[in-house]
Amino acid sequence: MAPSATKLRGEPNHMKKLAFALVGTGALALAACNNSNQDAVQNAELNQPAPDQLNELANQAAMDAANAQAAAANAANAANEANAVADNTTNPKEADEQNVSGM
């Protein structure tokens, strides 16, 4: 009689219950994510600078970069001029070079 008693009650479906609970939890989690949060949008807009201020900051950054590049070019030119002034060695004469090649 024991086999017929389990057939009437049915097999327990633990995996189906677990899957149903997980799907329900996922549905509730997705429902909690609301994309139309206007407070967050307004806060983000308030934290942004005005377009004119952004343009001024961009222009200032460009001018700073140009000034830094010009200063680096001036430093390189000054170093080249100092090297050119320091290198005042005289070249050997043509006759001296011919003597060396004849040895």
N, C-alpha and C. Protein backbone atom coordinates (compact mmCIF):
# COMPACT_ATOMS: atom_id res chain seq x y z
N MET A 1 0.80 -1.20 0.00
CA MET A 1 0.00 0.00 0.00
C MET A 1 0.84 1.26 0.00
N ALA A 2 2.04 1.18 0.38
CA ALA A 2 2.89 2.34 0.45
C ALA A 2 3.11 2.98 -0.91
N PRO A 3 3.30 2.19 -1.99
CA PRO A 3 3.50 2.85 -3.28
C PRO A 3 2.29 3.64 -3.74
N SER A 4 1.09 3.19 -3.46
CA SER A 4 -0.08 3.92 -3.91
C SER A 4 -0.28 5.21 -3.12
N ALA A 5 0.18 5.26 -1.90
CA ALA A 5 0.04 6.46 -1.07
C ALA A 5 0.92 7.59 -1.58
N THR A 6 2.11 7.27 -2.09
CA THR A 6 2.97 8.32 -2.60
C THR A 6 2.48 8.83 -3.94
N LYS A 7 1.81 7.99 -4.70
CA LYS A 7 1.29 8.44 -6.00
C LYS A 7 0.16 9.45 -5.82
N LEU A 8 -0.62 9.29 -4.81
CA LEU A 8 -1.73 10.21 -4.60
C LEU A 8 -1.22 11.58 -4.14
N ARG A 9 -0.21 11.56 -3.31
CA ARG A 9 0.32 12.82 -2.82
C ARG A 9 1.17 13.51 -3.87
N GLY A 10 1.83 12.80 -4.72
CA GLY A 10 2.68 13.35 -5.74
C GLY A 10 4.10 13.53 -5.24
N GLU A 11 5.02 13.65 -6.18
CA GLU A 11 6.43 13.84 -5.84
C GLU A 11 6.64 15.31 -5.46
N PRO A 12 7.49 15.56 -4.48
CA PRO A 12 7.76 16.97 -4.13
C PRO A 12 8.60 17.63 -5.24
N ASN A 13 8.31 18.85 -5.57
CA ASN A 13 8.97 19.59 -6.66
C ASN A 13 9.79 20.73 -6.09
N HIS A 14 10.88 20.37 -5.45
CA HIS A 14 11.71 21.39 -4.82
C HIS A 14 12.35 22.32 -5.85
N MET A 15 12.80 21.76 -6.97
CA MET A 15 13.46 22.58 -7.99
C MET A 15 12.48 23.56 -8.63
N LYS A 16 11.24 23.12 -8.83
CA LYS A 16 10.24 24.03 -9.41
C LYS A 16 9.94 25.18 -8.44
N LYS A 17 9.86 24.87 -7.16
CA LYS A 17 9.62 25.90 -6.16
C LYS A 17 10.79 26.89 -6.11
N LEU A 18 12.02 26.35 -6.18
CA LEU A 18 13.20 27.21 -6.16
C LEU A 18 13.25 28.10 -7.40
N ALA A 19 12.96 27.54 -8.55
CA ALA A 19 12.95 28.33 -9.79
C ALA A 19 11.88 29.41 -9.72
N PHE A 20 10.70 29.08 -9.20
CA PHE A 20 9.63 30.07 -9.08
C PHE A 20 10.03 31.20 -8.13
N ALA A 21 10.70 30.84 -7.04
CA ALA A 21 11.14 31.86 -6.08
C ALA A 21 12.20 32.76 -6.70
N LEU A 22 13.13 32.18 -7.46
CA LEU A 22 14.18 32.99 -8.10
C LEU A 22 13.60 33.91 -9.17
N VAL A 23 12.67 33.43 -9.95
CA VAL A 23 12.04 34.27 -10.98
C VAL A 23 11.26 35.41 -10.31
N GLY A 24 10.56 35.10 -9.24
CA GLY A 24 9.82 36.15 -8.53
C GLY A 24 10.74 37.20 -7.94
N THR A 25 11.87 36.75 -7.37
CA THR A 25 12.83 37.69 -6.81
C THR A 25 13.43 38.57 -7.91
N GLY A 26 13.72 37.97 -9.05
CA GLY A 26 14.26 38.74 -10.17
C GLY A 26 13.26 39.76 -10.68
N ALA A 27 12.00 39.36 -10.75
CA ALA A 27 10.97 40.30 -11.20
C ALA A 27 10.84 41.48 -10.24
N LEU A 28 10.89 41.21 -8.95
CA LEU A 28 10.81 42.30 -7.97
C LEU A 28 12.04 43.21 -8.05
N ALA A 29 13.20 42.63 -8.28
CA ALA A 29 14.41 43.44 -8.39
C ALA A 29 14.35 44.34 -9.62
N LEU A 30 13.85 43.82 -10.73
CA LEU A 30 13.72 44.65 -11.93
C LEU A 30 12.66 45.73 -11.76
N ALA A 31 11.61 45.42 -11.03
CA ALA A 31 10.58 46.43 -10.79
C ALA A 31 11.11 47.57 -9.93
N ALA A 32 12.09 47.28 -9.09
CA ALA A 32 12.65 48.31 -8.22
C ALA A 32 13.53 49.28 -9.00
N CYS A 33 14.04 48.85 -10.15
CA CYS A 33 14.90 49.72 -10.97
C CYS A 33 14.02 50.60 -11.83
N ASN A 34 13.82 51.82 -11.41
CA ASN A 34 12.97 52.76 -12.14
C ASN A 34 13.87 53.72 -12.90
N ASN A 35 13.73 53.77 -14.22
CA ASN A 35 14.61 54.58 -15.07
C ASN A 35 14.17 56.05 -15.16
N SER A 36 13.01 56.37 -14.71
CA SER A 36 12.53 57.75 -14.86
C SER A 36 12.66 58.52 -13.56
N ASN A 37 13.84 58.54 -13.00
CA ASN A 37 14.08 59.25 -11.75
C ASN A 37 14.49 60.68 -12.10
N GLN A 38 13.54 61.58 -12.05
CA GLN A 38 13.78 62.96 -12.45
C GLN A 38 14.69 63.69 -11.47
N ASP A 39 14.69 63.30 -10.22
CA ASP A 39 15.57 63.96 -9.25
C ASP A 39 17.03 63.76 -9.62
N ALA A 40 17.38 62.55 -10.02
CA ALA A 40 18.76 62.28 -10.40
C ALA A 40 19.13 63.06 -11.66
N VAL A 41 18.20 63.17 -12.60
CA VAL A 41 18.47 63.93 -13.83
C VAL A 41 18.65 65.40 -13.51
N GLN A 42 17.82 65.95 -12.65
CA GLN A 42 17.94 67.36 -12.30
C GLN A 42 19.23 67.63 -11.52
N ASN A 43 19.62 66.71 -10.64
CA ASN A 43 20.87 66.89 -9.91
C ASN A 43 22.06 66.87 -10.86
N ALA A 44 22.01 66.00 -11.85
CA ALA A 44 23.10 65.94 -12.82
C ALA A 44 23.16 67.23 -13.63
N GLU A 45 22.02 67.78 -13.97
CA GLU A 45 21.99 69.03 -14.72
C GLU A 45 22.51 70.19 -13.88
N LEU A 46 22.21 70.19 -12.60
CA LEU A 46 22.67 71.27 -11.72
C LEU A 46 24.17 71.24 -11.54
N ASN A 47 24.77 70.06 -11.58
CA ASN A 47 26.21 69.93 -11.36
C ASN A 47 27.03 70.26 -12.60
N GLN A 48 26.39 70.46 -13.73
CA GLN A 48 27.11 70.76 -14.97
C GLN A 48 27.34 72.27 -15.09
N PRO A 49 28.53 72.68 -15.52
CA PRO A 49 28.75 74.11 -15.73
C PRO A 49 28.03 74.60 -16.99
N ALA A 50 27.89 75.89 -17.08
CA ALA A 50 27.21 76.48 -18.22
C ALA A 50 28.06 76.30 -19.48
N PRO A 51 27.44 76.30 -20.66
CA PRO A 51 28.21 76.12 -21.90
C PRO A 51 29.28 77.19 -22.10
N ASP A 52 28.97 78.42 -21.74
CA ASP A 52 29.97 79.49 -21.88
C ASP A 52 31.17 79.24 -20.97
N GLN A 53 30.89 78.74 -19.78
CA GLN A 53 31.98 78.44 -18.86
C GLN A 53 32.83 77.28 -19.39
N LEU A 54 32.18 76.28 -19.99
CA LEU A 54 32.93 75.17 -20.59
C LEU A 54 33.81 75.66 -21.74
N ASN A 55 33.27 76.56 -22.56
CA ASN A 55 34.06 77.10 -23.66
C ASN A 55 35.26 77.89 -23.15
N GLU A 56 35.04 78.66 -22.11
CA GLU A 56 36.14 79.43 -21.53
C GLU A 56 37.23 78.51 -20.95
N LEU A 57 36.80 77.46 -20.27
CA LEU A 57 37.77 76.50 -19.73
C LEU A 57 38.54 75.80 -20.85
N ALA A 58 37.85 75.46 -21.94
CA ALA A 58 38.53 74.80 -23.07
C ALA A 58 39.52 75.75 -23.72
N ASN A 59 39.14 77.01 -23.88
CA ASN A 59 40.06 77.99 -24.47
C ASN A 59 41.27 78.20 -23.57
N GLN A 60 41.05 78.26 -22.27
CA GLN A 60 42.16 78.44 -21.34
C GLN A 60 43.12 77.25 -21.39
N ALA A 61 42.56 76.05 -21.47
CA ALA A 61 43.41 74.85 -21.55
C ALA A 61 44.20 74.85 -22.85
N ALA A 62 43.58 75.28 -23.94
CA ALA A 62 44.30 75.34 -25.22
C ALA A 62 45.42 76.36 -25.17
N MET A 63 45.15 77.51 -24.54
CA MET A 63 46.19 78.53 -24.43
C MET A 63 47.34 78.05 -23.53
N ASP A 64 47.01 77.36 -22.46
CA ASP A 64 48.06 76.81 -21.58
C ASP A 64 48.92 75.81 -22.33
N ALA A 65 48.29 74.97 -23.14
CA ALA A 65 49.05 73.98 -23.91
C ALA A 65 49.93 74.65 -24.94
N ALA A 66 49.41 75.69 -25.61
CA ALA A 66 50.21 76.41 -26.60
C ALA A 66 51.39 77.13 -25.95
N ASN A 67 51.16 77.72 -24.78
CA ASN A 67 52.25 78.39 -24.07
C ASN A 67 53.32 77.40 -23.62
N ALA A 68 52.90 76.24 -23.16
CA ALA A 68 53.86 75.23 -22.73
C ALA A 68 54.68 74.73 -23.92
N GLN A 69 54.02 74.57 -25.07
CA GLN A 69 54.73 74.11 -26.26
C GLN A 69 55.71 75.18 -26.74
N ALA A 70 55.31 76.42 -26.69
CA ALA A 70 56.20 77.51 -27.10
C ALA A 70 57.40 77.61 -26.15
N ALA A 71 57.16 77.43 -24.86
CA ALA A 71 58.27 77.48 -23.90
C ALA A 71 59.24 76.33 -24.14
N ALA A 72 58.72 75.16 -24.46
CA ALA A 72 59.60 74.02 -24.74
C ALA A 72 60.40 74.27 -26.02
N ALA A 73 59.77 74.87 -27.02
CA ALA A 73 60.48 75.17 -28.27
C ALA A 73 61.57 76.22 -28.02
N ASN A 74 61.27 77.22 -27.20
CA ASN A 74 62.27 78.25 -26.87
C ASN A 74 63.45 77.64 -26.12
N ALA A 75 63.17 76.74 -25.20
CA ALA A 75 64.24 76.08 -24.45
C ALA A 75 65.10 75.23 -25.38
N ALA A 76 64.48 74.55 -26.33
CA ALA A 76 65.24 73.74 -27.27
C ALA A 76 66.10 74.63 -28.18
N ASN A 77 65.55 75.75 -28.62
CA ASN A 77 66.32 76.67 -29.46
C ASN A 77 67.50 77.27 -28.68
N ALA A 78 67.27 77.62 -27.42
CA ALA A 78 68.35 78.17 -26.61
C ALA A 78 69.45 77.13 -26.41
N ALA A 79 69.07 75.89 -26.20
CA ALA A 79 70.07 74.82 -26.03
C ALA A 79 70.85 74.61 -27.33
N ASN A 80 70.16 74.67 -28.45
CA ASN A 80 70.85 74.50 -29.74
C ASN A 80 71.82 75.65 -30.00
N GLU A 81 71.41 76.87 -29.65
CA GLU A 81 72.29 78.01 -29.85
C GLU A 81 73.50 77.92 -28.93
N ALA A 82 73.32 77.48 -27.70
CA ALA A 82 74.44 77.33 -26.78
C ALA A 82 75.40 76.26 -27.28
N ASN A 83 74.88 75.19 -27.83
CA ASN A 83 75.74 74.15 -28.38
C ASN A 83 76.49 74.64 -29.61
N ALA A 84 75.83 75.46 -30.42
CA ALA A 84 76.48 75.98 -31.63
C ALA A 84 77.59 76.95 -31.27
N VAL A 85 77.40 77.77 -30.24
CA VAL A 85 78.42 78.72 -29.81
C VAL A 85 79.60 77.97 -29.19
N ALA A 86 79.34 76.92 -28.43
CA ALA A 86 80.40 76.18 -27.77
C ALA A 86 81.23 75.36 -28.76
N ASP A 87 80.67 75.03 -29.91
CA ASP A 87 81.37 74.20 -30.90
C ASP A 87 82.03 75.09 -31.95
N ASN A 88 83.05 75.81 -31.54
CA ASN A 88 83.77 76.70 -32.47
C ASN A 88 85.12 76.09 -32.85
N THR A 89 85.21 74.81 -32.95
CA THR A 89 86.48 74.18 -33.33
C THR A 89 86.73 74.42 -34.80
N THR A 90 87.98 74.58 -35.14
CA THR A 90 88.33 74.81 -36.54
C THR A 90 88.50 73.48 -37.24
N ASN A 91 88.07 73.45 -38.45
CA ASN A 91 88.20 72.24 -39.24
C ASN A 91 89.62 72.17 -39.81
N PRO A 92 90.14 70.98 -39.97
CA PRO A 92 91.48 70.87 -40.55
C PRO A 92 91.48 71.34 -42.01
N LYS A 93 92.60 71.81 -42.42
CA LYS A 93 92.70 72.31 -43.79
C LYS A 93 92.74 71.14 -44.75
N GLU A 94 92.48 71.43 -45.95
CA GLU A 94 92.45 70.41 -46.99
C GLU A 94 93.80 69.72 -47.13
N ALA A 95 94.87 70.47 -47.01
CA ALA A 95 96.20 69.89 -47.15
C ALA A 95 96.49 68.91 -46.03
N ASP A 96 96.04 69.23 -44.82
CA ASP A 96 96.24 68.32 -43.70
C ASP A 96 95.48 67.01 -43.91
N GLU A 97 94.32 67.12 -44.48
CA GLU A 97 93.56 65.91 -44.74
C GLU A 97 94.24 65.05 -45.81
N GLN A 98 94.81 65.68 -46.80
CA GLN A 98 95.52 64.92 -47.84
C GLN A 98 96.72 64.21 -47.28
N ASN A 99 97.41 64.84 -46.35
CA ASN A 99 98.56 64.20 -45.73
C ASN A 99 98.16 62.95 -44.95
N VAL A 100 97.02 63.01 -44.29
CA VAL A 100 96.56 61.86 -43.50
C VAL A 100 96.20 60.71 -44.44
N SER A 101 95.56 61.03 -45.55
CA SER A 101 95.16 59.94 -46.45
C SER A 101 96.37 59.35 -47.18
N GLY A 102 97.50 60.06 -47.25
CA GLY A 102 98.68 59.53 -47.93
C GLY A 102 99.48 58.61 -47.05
N MET A 103 99.24 58.54 -45.79
CA MET A 103 100.03 57.69 -44.89
C MET A 103 99.78 56.26 -45.10
